[in-house]
Amino acid sequence: MMTAPATHRQRQAQATRDQILVAARASFLETGFALATIEAIARRAGVGVSTVYAVFESKRGILRALREAWHEESGQSEIFREAESETDPATRMEMAAHATRRQWETIAAMASIYESAAAVDSEAAAELREALAGRRRNLTPFVHGFATRLRTGLGVDAATAIFFALTRRELYVELVEAHGWTPELYEAWLAAALCEQLLA
């Protein structure tokens, strides 16, 4: 069944929503979540304060929408789903490395915004914990899916722990942002490290 094309009003509403998100992202990165105000975000977006509240209800609503938009932009969920159907374990690791690179390359800034929000907002902190727990829940079956191809003596629980240690955001930040690696170099290194540490 074909989806009906968006109406002019719907396109306008989406454009306004996008303007607010761009402005909010810049404000959160510039001043931190705590100091960024709805008034400042509205001014930056060129809309009224009431419009921001009507669309997102609160700063936390904006934060949640930013996280959802970045998650979709990274495409990492789709890459992992494709990797699950790949029979060659080394290719799986390469796809996992690409998905991880896309995730952190796309949402590294989002993670820092969430961390600043979590420091001053208990509900934002709970959302951050849930997001991290969700990543673990979603990716644990991915590791279990190649349990029969693990290197000798490595159990699936240990393999899962290694996988999550190697794919942490902090490692991406350390290598790419602190030491100047390109995202491409990080991805190639991660693919090799996952193969070496996990596969027979």
N, C-alpha and C. Protein backbone atom coordinates (compact mmCIF):
# COMPACT_ATOMS: atom_id res chain seq x y z
N MET A 1 0.85 -1.19 0.00
CA MET A 1 0.00 0.00 0.00
C MET A 1 0.89 1.24 0.00
N MET A 2 0.65 2.15 -0.93
CA MET A 2 1.47 3.35 -1.06
C MET A 2 1.08 4.37 0.00
N THR A 3 2.10 5.08 0.52
CA THR A 3 1.86 6.12 1.50
C THR A 3 1.48 7.40 0.78
N ALA A 4 0.46 8.06 1.29
CA ALA A 4 0.03 9.32 0.67
C ALA A 4 1.12 10.37 0.84
N PRO A 5 1.36 11.20 -0.16
CA PRO A 5 2.38 12.25 -0.04
C PRO A 5 2.00 13.24 1.06
N ALA A 6 3.04 13.80 1.68
CA ALA A 6 2.80 14.76 2.77
C ALA A 6 2.12 16.00 2.23
N THR A 7 1.23 16.56 3.03
CA THR A 7 0.57 17.80 2.66
C THR A 7 1.52 18.97 2.92
N HIS A 8 1.17 20.12 2.39
CA HIS A 8 1.98 21.33 2.60
C HIS A 8 2.11 21.62 4.10
N ARG A 9 1.01 21.48 4.82
CA ARG A 9 1.03 21.74 6.27
C ARG A 9 1.96 20.76 6.99
N GLN A 10 1.92 19.50 6.57
CA GLN A 10 2.79 18.51 7.19
C GLN A 10 4.26 18.79 6.90
N ARG A 11 4.55 19.22 5.68
CA ARG A 11 5.94 19.57 5.33
C ARG A 11 6.41 20.77 6.14
N GLN A 12 5.55 21.73 6.32
CA GLN A 12 5.89 22.90 7.13
C GLN A 12 6.16 22.50 8.57
N ALA A 13 5.31 21.64 9.10
CA ALA A 13 5.47 21.18 10.49
C ALA A 13 6.80 20.44 10.66
N GLN A 14 7.14 19.59 9.68
CA GLN A 14 8.39 18.85 9.75
C GLN A 14 9.59 19.79 9.65
N ALA A 15 9.49 20.80 8.79
CA ALA A 15 10.57 21.77 8.65
C ALA A 15 10.79 22.53 9.95
N THR A 16 9.69 22.91 10.60
CA THR A 16 9.79 23.62 11.88
C THR A 16 10.43 22.72 12.94
N ARG A 17 10.01 21.46 12.97
CA ARG A 17 10.58 20.50 13.92
C ARG A 17 12.08 20.35 13.70
N ASP A 18 12.48 20.23 12.45
CA ASP A 18 13.90 20.08 12.12
C ASP A 18 14.69 21.33 12.52
N GLN A 19 14.12 22.52 12.29
CA GLN A 19 14.79 23.77 12.68
C GLN A 19 15.05 23.79 14.18
N ILE A 20 14.06 23.38 14.94
CA ILE A 20 14.20 23.40 16.40
C ILE A 20 15.27 22.41 16.85
N LEU A 21 15.29 21.24 16.23
CA LEU A 21 16.29 20.22 16.61
C LEU A 21 17.71 20.70 16.29
N VAL A 22 17.89 21.33 15.13
CA VAL A 22 19.21 21.85 14.77
C VAL A 22 19.65 22.92 15.78
N ALA A 23 18.72 23.80 16.12
CA ALA A 23 19.03 24.86 17.08
C ALA A 23 19.33 24.29 18.46
N ALA A 24 18.55 23.31 18.86
CA ALA A 24 18.74 22.70 20.18
C ALA A 24 20.08 21.98 20.26
N ARG A 25 20.42 21.25 19.22
CA ARG A 25 21.71 20.55 19.19
C ARG A 25 22.85 21.53 19.37
N ALA A 26 22.81 22.64 18.62
CA ALA A 26 23.86 23.65 18.73
C ALA A 26 23.90 24.26 20.14
N SER A 27 22.75 24.53 20.70
CA SER A 27 22.69 25.12 22.04
C SER A 27 23.20 24.16 23.10
N PHE A 28 22.80 22.89 23.01
CA PHE A 28 23.23 21.90 24.00
C PHE A 28 24.75 21.71 23.95
N LEU A 29 25.31 21.69 22.73
CA LEU A 29 26.75 21.51 22.59
C LEU A 29 27.51 22.75 23.04
N GLU A 30 26.92 23.90 22.83
CA GLU A 30 27.59 25.17 23.13
C GLU A 30 27.58 25.49 24.61
N THR A 31 26.43 25.31 25.25
CA THR A 31 26.31 25.75 26.66
C THR A 31 26.06 24.60 27.63
N GLY A 32 25.81 23.40 27.10
CA GLY A 32 25.42 22.30 27.99
C GLY A 32 23.92 22.26 28.16
N PHE A 33 23.41 21.10 28.49
CA PHE A 33 21.96 20.91 28.61
C PHE A 33 21.37 21.82 29.68
N ALA A 34 22.04 21.93 30.83
CA ALA A 34 21.48 22.66 31.96
C ALA A 34 21.29 24.15 31.65
N LEU A 35 22.25 24.75 30.93
CA LEU A 35 22.20 26.19 30.70
C LEU A 35 21.42 26.58 29.45
N ALA A 36 21.18 25.62 28.56
CA ALA A 36 20.40 25.91 27.35
C ALA A 36 18.93 26.06 27.74
N THR A 37 18.34 27.17 27.36
CA THR A 37 16.93 27.42 27.70
C THR A 37 16.05 27.24 26.48
N ILE A 38 14.79 26.99 26.74
CA ILE A 38 13.81 26.89 25.64
C ILE A 38 13.76 28.22 24.88
N GLU A 39 13.87 29.32 25.62
CA GLU A 39 13.83 30.65 24.99
C GLU A 39 15.00 30.81 24.01
N ALA A 40 16.19 30.39 24.44
CA ALA A 40 17.38 30.52 23.58
C ALA A 40 17.25 29.61 22.35
N ILE A 41 16.72 28.41 22.56
CA ILE A 41 16.53 27.48 21.44
C ILE A 41 15.52 28.04 20.45
N ALA A 42 14.43 28.60 20.96
CA ALA A 42 13.40 29.18 20.09
C ALA A 42 13.96 30.35 19.28
N ARG A 43 14.75 31.21 19.95
CA ARG A 43 15.37 32.34 19.28
C ARG A 43 16.28 31.87 18.16
N ARG A 44 17.07 30.87 18.46
CA ARG A 44 18.03 30.35 17.49
C ARG A 44 17.31 29.71 16.30
N ALA A 45 16.18 29.08 16.57
CA ALA A 45 15.42 28.41 15.51
C ALA A 45 14.53 29.38 14.74
N GLY A 46 14.34 30.59 15.27
CA GLY A 46 13.48 31.56 14.61
C GLY A 46 12.01 31.24 14.75
N VAL A 47 11.65 30.63 15.88
CA VAL A 47 10.24 30.31 16.13
C VAL A 47 9.86 30.82 17.52
N GLY A 48 8.58 30.79 17.81
CA GLY A 48 8.11 31.22 19.12
C GLY A 48 8.35 30.16 20.18
N VAL A 49 8.48 30.60 21.42
CA VAL A 49 8.66 29.68 22.55
C VAL A 49 7.49 28.70 22.62
N SER A 50 6.29 29.20 22.39
CA SER A 50 5.11 28.35 22.46
C SER A 50 5.17 27.24 21.42
N THR A 51 5.79 27.52 20.27
CA THR A 51 5.93 26.50 19.22
C THR A 51 6.83 25.36 19.69
N VAL A 52 7.93 25.71 20.35
CA VAL A 52 8.84 24.68 20.86
C VAL A 52 8.11 23.79 21.86
N TYR A 53 7.36 24.41 22.77
CA TYR A 53 6.62 23.62 23.76
C TYR A 53 5.54 22.77 23.09
N ALA A 54 4.90 23.33 22.06
CA ALA A 54 3.83 22.59 21.38
C ALA A 54 4.38 21.36 20.69
N VAL A 55 5.58 21.45 20.14
CA VAL A 55 6.16 20.34 19.38
C VAL A 55 6.81 19.31 20.30
N PHE A 56 7.54 19.79 21.33
CA PHE A 56 8.36 18.86 22.13
C PHE A 56 8.01 18.80 23.62
N GLU A 57 7.23 19.76 24.09
CA GLU A 57 6.76 19.82 25.48
C GLU A 57 7.83 20.27 26.48
N SER A 58 9.08 19.85 26.31
CA SER A 58 10.12 20.17 27.29
C SER A 58 11.50 19.98 26.67
N LYS A 59 12.53 20.41 27.41
CA LYS A 59 13.90 20.17 26.93
C LYS A 59 14.17 18.68 26.85
N ARG A 60 13.63 17.91 27.77
CA ARG A 60 13.84 16.47 27.72
C ARG A 60 13.19 15.86 26.49
N GLY A 61 12.05 16.41 26.08
CA GLY A 61 11.40 15.94 24.85
C GLY A 61 12.27 16.21 23.63
N ILE A 62 12.93 17.38 23.63
CA ILE A 62 13.85 17.70 22.54
C ILE A 62 15.01 16.71 22.55
N LEU A 63 15.54 16.46 23.73
CA LEU A 63 16.67 15.54 23.88
C LEU A 63 16.33 14.16 23.33
N ARG A 64 15.14 13.68 23.68
CA ARG A 64 14.70 12.36 23.22
C ARG A 64 14.57 12.33 21.68
N ALA A 65 14.02 13.40 21.12
CA ALA A 65 13.86 13.47 19.67
C ALA A 65 15.22 13.51 18.96
N LEU A 66 16.19 14.21 19.55
CA LEU A 66 17.53 14.24 18.99
C LEU A 66 18.15 12.85 18.98
N ARG A 67 17.97 12.14 20.08
CA ARG A 67 18.54 10.79 20.17
C ARG A 67 17.92 9.87 19.12
N GLU A 68 16.61 9.94 18.96
CA GLU A 68 15.92 9.10 17.98
C GLU A 68 16.37 9.43 16.55
N ALA A 69 16.53 10.72 16.27
CA ALA A 69 16.95 11.14 14.93
C ALA A 69 18.36 10.67 14.63
N TRP A 70 19.26 10.79 15.59
CA TRP A 70 20.64 10.37 15.37
C TRP A 70 20.74 8.85 15.24
N HIS A 71 19.95 8.15 16.03
CA HIS A 71 19.96 6.69 15.96
C HIS A 71 19.54 6.24 14.56
N GLU A 72 18.51 6.87 14.04
CA GLU A 72 18.03 6.52 12.69
C GLU A 72 19.06 6.88 11.63
N GLU A 73 19.71 8.04 11.82
CA GLU A 73 20.69 8.50 10.84
C GLU A 73 21.89 7.56 10.76
N SER A 74 22.28 6.98 11.89
CA SER A 74 23.47 6.11 11.89
C SER A 74 23.26 4.85 11.07
N GLY A 75 22.02 4.36 11.02
CA GLY A 75 21.72 3.15 10.27
C GLY A 75 22.33 1.89 10.85
N GLN A 76 22.86 1.98 12.09
CA GLN A 76 23.58 0.84 12.64
C GLN A 76 22.68 -0.35 12.94
N SER A 77 21.43 -0.12 13.27
CA SER A 77 20.52 -1.24 13.52
C SER A 77 20.32 -2.09 12.27
N GLU A 78 20.16 -1.42 11.13
CA GLU A 78 19.97 -2.14 9.87
C GLU A 78 21.23 -2.93 9.49
N ILE A 79 22.40 -2.34 9.75
CA ILE A 79 23.65 -3.03 9.42
C ILE A 79 23.80 -4.30 10.26
N PHE A 80 23.48 -4.20 11.55
CA PHE A 80 23.57 -5.37 12.41
C PHE A 80 22.56 -6.44 12.00
N ARG A 81 21.37 -6.01 11.57
CA ARG A 81 20.38 -6.99 11.12
C ARG A 81 20.88 -7.73 9.89
N GLU A 82 21.50 -7.00 8.97
CA GLU A 82 22.06 -7.64 7.77
C GLU A 82 23.19 -8.58 8.16
N ALA A 83 24.00 -8.18 9.14
CA ALA A 83 25.13 -9.01 9.56
C ALA A 83 24.68 -10.34 10.16
N GLU A 84 23.53 -10.34 10.81
CA GLU A 84 23.03 -11.57 11.43
C GLU A 84 22.76 -12.66 10.40
N SER A 85 22.47 -12.28 9.16
CA SER A 85 22.19 -13.27 8.12
C SER A 85 23.45 -13.65 7.33
N GLU A 86 24.58 -13.04 7.67
CA GLU A 86 25.85 -13.32 7.00
C GLU A 86 26.46 -14.60 7.59
N THR A 87 26.81 -15.56 6.74
CA THR A 87 27.33 -16.84 7.24
C THR A 87 28.82 -16.81 7.54
N ASP A 88 29.58 -15.94 6.89
CA ASP A 88 31.02 -15.88 7.14
C ASP A 88 31.29 -15.02 8.38
N PRO A 89 31.87 -15.61 9.45
CA PRO A 89 32.04 -14.85 10.70
C PRO A 89 32.96 -13.64 10.56
N ALA A 90 33.99 -13.74 9.72
CA ALA A 90 34.88 -12.59 9.54
C ALA A 90 34.14 -11.42 8.90
N THR A 91 33.26 -11.72 7.94
CA THR A 91 32.46 -10.67 7.32
C THR A 91 31.50 -10.07 8.34
N ARG A 92 30.99 -10.91 9.23
CA ARG A 92 30.14 -10.41 10.31
C ARG A 92 30.88 -9.38 11.15
N MET A 93 32.14 -9.69 11.48
CA MET A 93 32.92 -8.77 12.30
C MET A 93 33.18 -7.46 11.55
N GLU A 94 33.42 -7.56 10.25
CA GLU A 94 33.62 -6.34 9.46
C GLU A 94 32.36 -5.49 9.46
N MET A 95 31.20 -6.13 9.35
CA MET A 95 29.94 -5.39 9.35
C MET A 95 29.67 -4.80 10.73
N ALA A 96 30.02 -5.56 11.78
CA ALA A 96 29.85 -5.05 13.14
C ALA A 96 30.74 -3.83 13.37
N ALA A 97 31.97 -3.89 12.85
CA ALA A 97 32.88 -2.76 12.98
C ALA A 97 32.34 -1.54 12.24
N HIS A 98 31.77 -1.76 11.05
CA HIS A 98 31.20 -0.66 10.28
C HIS A 98 30.01 -0.05 11.01
N ALA A 99 29.14 -0.90 11.56
CA ALA A 99 27.97 -0.40 12.29
C ALA A 99 28.39 0.39 13.52
N THR A 100 29.42 -0.11 14.22
CA THR A 100 29.89 0.57 15.42
C THR A 100 30.50 1.92 15.06
N ARG A 101 31.29 1.94 14.01
CA ARG A 101 31.86 3.21 13.54
C ARG A 101 30.75 4.20 13.19
N ARG A 102 29.73 3.74 12.46
CA ARG A 102 28.62 4.61 12.07
C ARG A 102 27.90 5.14 13.31
N GLN A 103 27.72 4.26 14.29
CA GLN A 103 27.02 4.68 15.50
C GLN A 103 27.77 5.79 16.21
N TRP A 104 29.05 5.57 16.48
CA TRP A 104 29.79 6.57 17.26
C TRP A 104 30.16 7.78 16.43
N GLU A 105 30.40 7.60 15.14
CA GLU A 105 30.70 8.72 14.27
C GLU A 105 29.50 9.66 14.19
N THR A 106 28.31 9.08 14.18
CA THR A 106 27.10 9.87 14.02
C THR A 106 26.61 10.46 15.33
N ILE A 107 26.71 9.68 16.43
CA ILE A 107 26.06 10.14 17.67
C ILE A 107 27.02 10.40 18.81
N ALA A 108 28.31 10.53 18.52
CA ALA A 108 29.25 10.84 19.59
C ALA A 108 28.86 12.14 20.30
N ALA A 109 28.46 13.15 19.51
CA ALA A 109 28.04 14.42 20.10
C ALA A 109 26.77 14.23 20.93
N MET A 110 25.86 13.38 20.45
CA MET A 110 24.63 13.12 21.19
C MET A 110 24.93 12.50 22.55
N ALA A 111 25.89 11.59 22.57
CA ALA A 111 26.25 10.95 23.83
C ALA A 111 26.78 11.97 24.83
N SER A 112 27.60 12.91 24.36
CA SER A 112 28.14 13.92 25.28
C SER A 112 27.02 14.84 25.78
N ILE A 113 26.05 15.14 24.92
CA ILE A 113 24.90 15.95 25.35
C ILE A 113 24.11 15.20 26.41
N TYR A 114 23.87 13.91 26.18
CA TYR A 114 23.12 13.12 27.15
C TYR A 114 23.84 13.03 28.48
N GLU A 115 25.16 12.92 28.44
CA GLU A 115 25.92 12.84 29.69
C GLU A 115 25.82 14.15 30.47
N SER A 116 25.86 15.28 29.77
CA SER A 116 25.72 16.57 30.47
C SER A 116 24.30 16.71 31.02
N ALA A 117 23.31 16.19 30.29
CA ALA A 117 21.93 16.25 30.78
C ALA A 117 21.74 15.34 31.98
N ALA A 118 22.34 14.15 31.92
CA ALA A 118 22.19 13.18 33.00
C ALA A 118 22.74 13.71 34.32
N ALA A 119 23.74 14.60 34.23
CA ALA A 119 24.35 15.14 35.44
C ALA A 119 23.40 16.05 36.22
N VAL A 120 22.40 16.60 35.52
CA VAL A 120 21.50 17.56 36.19
C VAL A 120 20.04 17.15 36.15
N ASP A 121 19.72 16.07 35.44
CA ASP A 121 18.32 15.67 35.27
C ASP A 121 18.22 14.17 35.48
N SER A 122 17.54 13.76 36.54
CA SER A 122 17.48 12.35 36.90
C SER A 122 16.76 11.52 35.84
N GLU A 123 15.75 12.11 35.18
CA GLU A 123 15.03 11.37 34.15
C GLU A 123 15.89 11.20 32.90
N ALA A 124 16.68 12.22 32.58
CA ALA A 124 17.61 12.10 31.45
C ALA A 124 18.66 11.04 31.76
N ALA A 125 19.10 11.00 33.03
CA ALA A 125 20.07 9.97 33.44
C ALA A 125 19.48 8.58 33.30
N ALA A 126 18.20 8.44 33.66
CA ALA A 126 17.54 7.15 33.52
C ALA A 126 17.41 6.75 32.06
N GLU A 127 17.12 7.74 31.20
CA GLU A 127 17.02 7.46 29.76
C GLU A 127 18.36 7.02 29.19
N LEU A 128 19.45 7.67 29.66
CA LEU A 128 20.79 7.29 29.20
C LEU A 128 21.11 5.86 29.61
N ARG A 129 20.79 5.51 30.85
CA ARG A 129 21.03 4.14 31.31
C ARG A 129 20.21 3.15 30.50
N GLU A 130 18.98 3.52 30.19
CA GLU A 130 18.11 2.63 29.40
C GLU A 130 18.64 2.47 27.99
N ALA A 131 19.16 3.57 27.41
CA ALA A 131 19.71 3.50 26.05
C ALA A 131 20.91 2.56 26.01
N LEU A 132 21.78 2.66 27.01
CA LEU A 132 22.96 1.79 27.06
C LEU A 132 22.56 0.34 27.31
N ALA A 133 21.58 0.14 28.19
CA ALA A 133 21.09 -1.22 28.46
C ALA A 133 20.42 -1.78 27.22
N GLY A 134 19.72 -0.93 26.46
CA GLY A 134 19.06 -1.38 25.24
C GLY A 134 20.08 -1.83 24.21
N ARG A 135 21.20 -1.11 24.10
CA ARG A 135 22.24 -1.51 23.16
C ARG A 135 22.77 -2.91 23.54
N ARG A 136 22.96 -3.12 24.84
CA ARG A 136 23.45 -4.43 25.30
C ARG A 136 22.43 -5.53 25.00
N ARG A 137 21.15 -5.25 25.26
CA ARG A 137 20.10 -6.24 25.00
C ARG A 137 20.02 -6.59 23.52
N ASN A 138 20.12 -5.55 22.67
CA ASN A 138 19.95 -5.76 21.24
C ASN A 138 21.14 -6.47 20.60
N LEU A 139 22.34 -6.24 21.13
CA LEU A 139 23.54 -6.79 20.49
C LEU A 139 24.01 -8.12 21.10
N THR A 140 23.54 -8.47 22.28
CA THR A 140 23.93 -9.75 22.87
C THR A 140 23.54 -10.92 21.96
N PRO A 141 22.33 -10.94 21.40
CA PRO A 141 21.99 -12.05 20.47
C PRO A 141 22.90 -12.08 19.25
N PHE A 142 23.41 -10.93 18.82
CA PHE A 142 24.33 -10.89 17.68
C PHE A 142 25.59 -11.69 18.00
N VAL A 143 26.13 -11.50 19.19
CA VAL A 143 27.33 -12.25 19.59
C VAL A 143 27.00 -13.73 19.73
N HIS A 144 25.88 -14.04 20.34
CA HIS A 144 25.49 -15.44 20.53
C HIS A 144 25.28 -16.14 19.18
N GLY A 145 24.99 -15.35 18.15
CA GLY A 145 24.72 -15.93 16.84
C GLY A 145 25.94 -16.56 16.19
N PHE A 146 27.15 -16.22 16.64
CA PHE A 146 28.32 -16.90 16.09
C PHE A 146 29.09 -17.66 17.18
N ALA A 147 28.34 -18.14 18.19
CA ALA A 147 28.93 -18.85 19.32
C ALA A 147 29.71 -20.09 18.90
N THR A 148 29.27 -20.75 17.83
CA THR A 148 29.95 -21.98 17.40
C THR A 148 31.25 -21.68 16.66
N ARG A 149 31.51 -20.41 16.35
CA ARG A 149 32.73 -20.05 15.60
C ARG A 149 33.75 -19.32 16.47
N LEU A 150 33.54 -19.34 17.79
CA LEU A 150 34.46 -18.66 18.70
C LEU A 150 35.78 -19.42 18.80
N ARG A 151 36.84 -18.69 19.14
CA ARG A 151 38.13 -19.35 19.28
C ARG A 151 38.10 -20.33 20.44
N THR A 152 38.95 -21.31 20.38
CA THR A 152 38.98 -22.41 21.35
C THR A 152 39.14 -21.87 22.77
N GLY A 153 38.29 -22.37 23.67
CA GLY A 153 38.37 -22.00 25.07
C GLY A 153 37.64 -20.72 25.44
N LEU A 154 37.09 -20.03 24.45
CA LEU A 154 36.37 -18.78 24.73
C LEU A 154 34.88 -19.06 24.82
N GLY A 155 34.30 -18.84 25.99
CA GLY A 155 32.87 -19.03 26.17
C GLY A 155 32.09 -17.84 25.64
N VAL A 156 30.80 -18.06 25.45
CA VAL A 156 29.98 -17.01 24.85
C VAL A 156 29.85 -15.80 25.78
N ASP A 157 29.84 -16.03 27.10
CA ASP A 157 29.74 -14.89 28.03
C ASP A 157 31.00 -14.03 27.97
N ALA A 158 32.15 -14.67 27.92
CA ALA A 158 33.41 -13.93 27.81
C ALA A 158 33.49 -13.22 26.47
N ALA A 159 33.02 -13.87 25.41
CA ALA A 159 33.03 -13.26 24.08
C ALA A 159 32.14 -12.01 24.06
N THR A 160 31.01 -12.11 24.72
CA THR A 160 30.10 -10.96 24.79
C THR A 160 30.76 -9.80 25.52
N ALA A 161 31.45 -10.10 26.63
CA ALA A 161 32.13 -9.06 27.39
C ALA A 161 33.22 -8.39 26.54
N ILE A 162 33.98 -9.19 25.81
CA ILE A 162 35.04 -8.64 24.95
C ILE A 162 34.44 -7.78 23.84
N PHE A 163 33.36 -8.26 23.24
CA PHE A 163 32.71 -7.51 22.16
C PHE A 163 32.30 -6.13 22.65
N PHE A 164 31.64 -6.07 23.81
CA PHE A 164 31.18 -4.78 24.31
C PHE A 164 32.34 -3.89 24.75
N ALA A 165 33.41 -4.48 25.26
CA ALA A 165 34.58 -3.69 25.65
C ALA A 165 35.22 -3.03 24.42
N LEU A 166 35.35 -3.79 23.34
CA LEU A 166 36.01 -3.27 22.14
C LEU A 166 35.15 -2.27 21.38
N THR A 167 33.83 -2.33 21.56
CA THR A 167 32.94 -1.45 20.79
C THR A 167 32.40 -0.29 21.63
N ARG A 168 33.02 -0.01 22.76
CA ARG A 168 32.57 1.11 23.60
C ARG A 168 32.84 2.45 22.92
N ARG A 169 31.97 3.41 23.18
CA ARG A 169 32.15 4.75 22.63
C ARG A 169 33.45 5.37 23.10
N GLU A 170 33.82 5.11 24.36
CA GLU A 170 35.03 5.72 24.90
C GLU A 170 36.27 5.34 24.10
N LEU A 171 36.29 4.12 23.57
CA LEU A 171 37.43 3.68 22.78
C LEU A 171 37.47 4.42 21.44
N TYR A 172 36.31 4.61 20.83
CA TYR A 172 36.23 5.39 19.59
C TYR A 172 36.74 6.81 19.84
N VAL A 173 36.27 7.43 20.92
CA VAL A 173 36.67 8.80 21.23
C VAL A 173 38.17 8.88 21.47
N GLU A 174 38.71 7.91 22.20
CA GLU A 174 40.15 7.91 22.49
C GLU A 174 40.97 7.83 21.22
N LEU A 175 40.61 6.92 20.32
CA LEU A 175 41.41 6.71 19.12
C LEU A 175 41.19 7.80 18.06
N VAL A 176 39.93 8.15 17.83
CA VAL A 176 39.62 9.09 16.74
C VAL A 176 39.79 10.54 17.18
N GLU A 177 39.21 10.89 18.32
CA GLU A 177 39.24 12.29 18.72
C GLU A 177 40.53 12.67 19.45
N ALA A 178 41.00 11.78 20.34
CA ALA A 178 42.19 12.12 21.11
C ALA A 178 43.49 11.87 20.33
N HIS A 179 43.51 10.79 19.52
CA HIS A 179 44.75 10.43 18.84
C HIS A 179 44.74 10.67 17.33
N GLY A 180 43.63 11.20 16.83
CA GLY A 180 43.61 11.63 15.44
C GLY A 180 43.44 10.55 14.39
N TRP A 181 43.00 9.34 14.81
CA TRP A 181 42.72 8.31 13.81
C TRP A 181 41.54 8.76 12.95
N THR A 182 41.54 8.34 11.69
CA THR A 182 40.34 8.57 10.87
C THR A 182 39.30 7.52 11.26
N PRO A 183 38.02 7.81 11.03
CA PRO A 183 36.99 6.79 11.27
C PRO A 183 37.23 5.51 10.47
N GLU A 184 37.79 5.66 9.27
CA GLU A 184 38.07 4.49 8.43
C GLU A 184 39.15 3.61 9.07
N LEU A 185 40.18 4.25 9.63
CA LEU A 185 41.24 3.49 10.30
C LEU A 185 40.69 2.79 11.54
N TYR A 186 39.86 3.50 12.31
CA TYR A 186 39.22 2.89 13.48
C TYR A 186 38.42 1.66 13.08
N GLU A 187 37.63 1.78 12.02
CA GLU A 187 36.80 0.66 11.57
C GLU A 187 37.64 -0.54 11.18
N ALA A 188 38.72 -0.31 10.44
CA ALA A 188 39.60 -1.42 10.02
C ALA A 188 40.27 -2.06 11.22
N TRP A 189 40.73 -1.24 12.15
CA TRP A 189 41.35 -1.78 13.37
C TRP A 189 40.35 -2.60 14.18
N LEU A 190 39.13 -2.09 14.33
CA LEU A 190 38.13 -2.78 15.13
C LEU A 190 37.74 -4.11 14.51
N ALA A 191 37.59 -4.15 13.19
CA ALA A 191 37.26 -5.39 12.51
C ALA A 191 38.35 -6.44 12.77
N ALA A 192 39.62 -6.02 12.65
CA ALA A 192 40.74 -6.95 12.88
C ALA A 192 40.78 -7.39 14.34
N ALA A 193 40.55 -6.47 15.26
CA ALA A 193 40.59 -6.81 16.68
C ALA A 193 39.47 -7.77 17.06
N LEU A 194 38.27 -7.55 16.52
CA LEU A 194 37.15 -8.45 16.81
C LEU A 194 37.45 -9.86 16.28
N CYS A 195 37.98 -9.94 15.08
CA CYS A 195 38.33 -11.26 14.51
C CYS A 195 39.38 -11.95 15.36
N GLU A 196 40.42 -11.21 15.72
CA GLU A 196 41.53 -11.80 16.47
C GLU A 196 41.09 -12.25 17.87
N GLN A 197 40.27 -11.44 18.52
CA GLN A 197 39.90 -11.73 19.90
C GLN A 197 38.77 -12.75 20.03
N LEU A 198 37.93 -12.84 19.01
CA LEU A 198 36.71 -13.65 19.15
C LEU A 198 36.69 -14.93 18.31
N LEU A 199 37.25 -14.90 17.13
CA LEU A 199 36.99 -15.99 16.19
C LEU A 199 38.09 -17.05 16.20
N ALA A 200 37.67 -18.27 15.89
CA ALA A 200 38.63 -19.37 15.76
C ALA A 200 39.50 -19.15 14.55
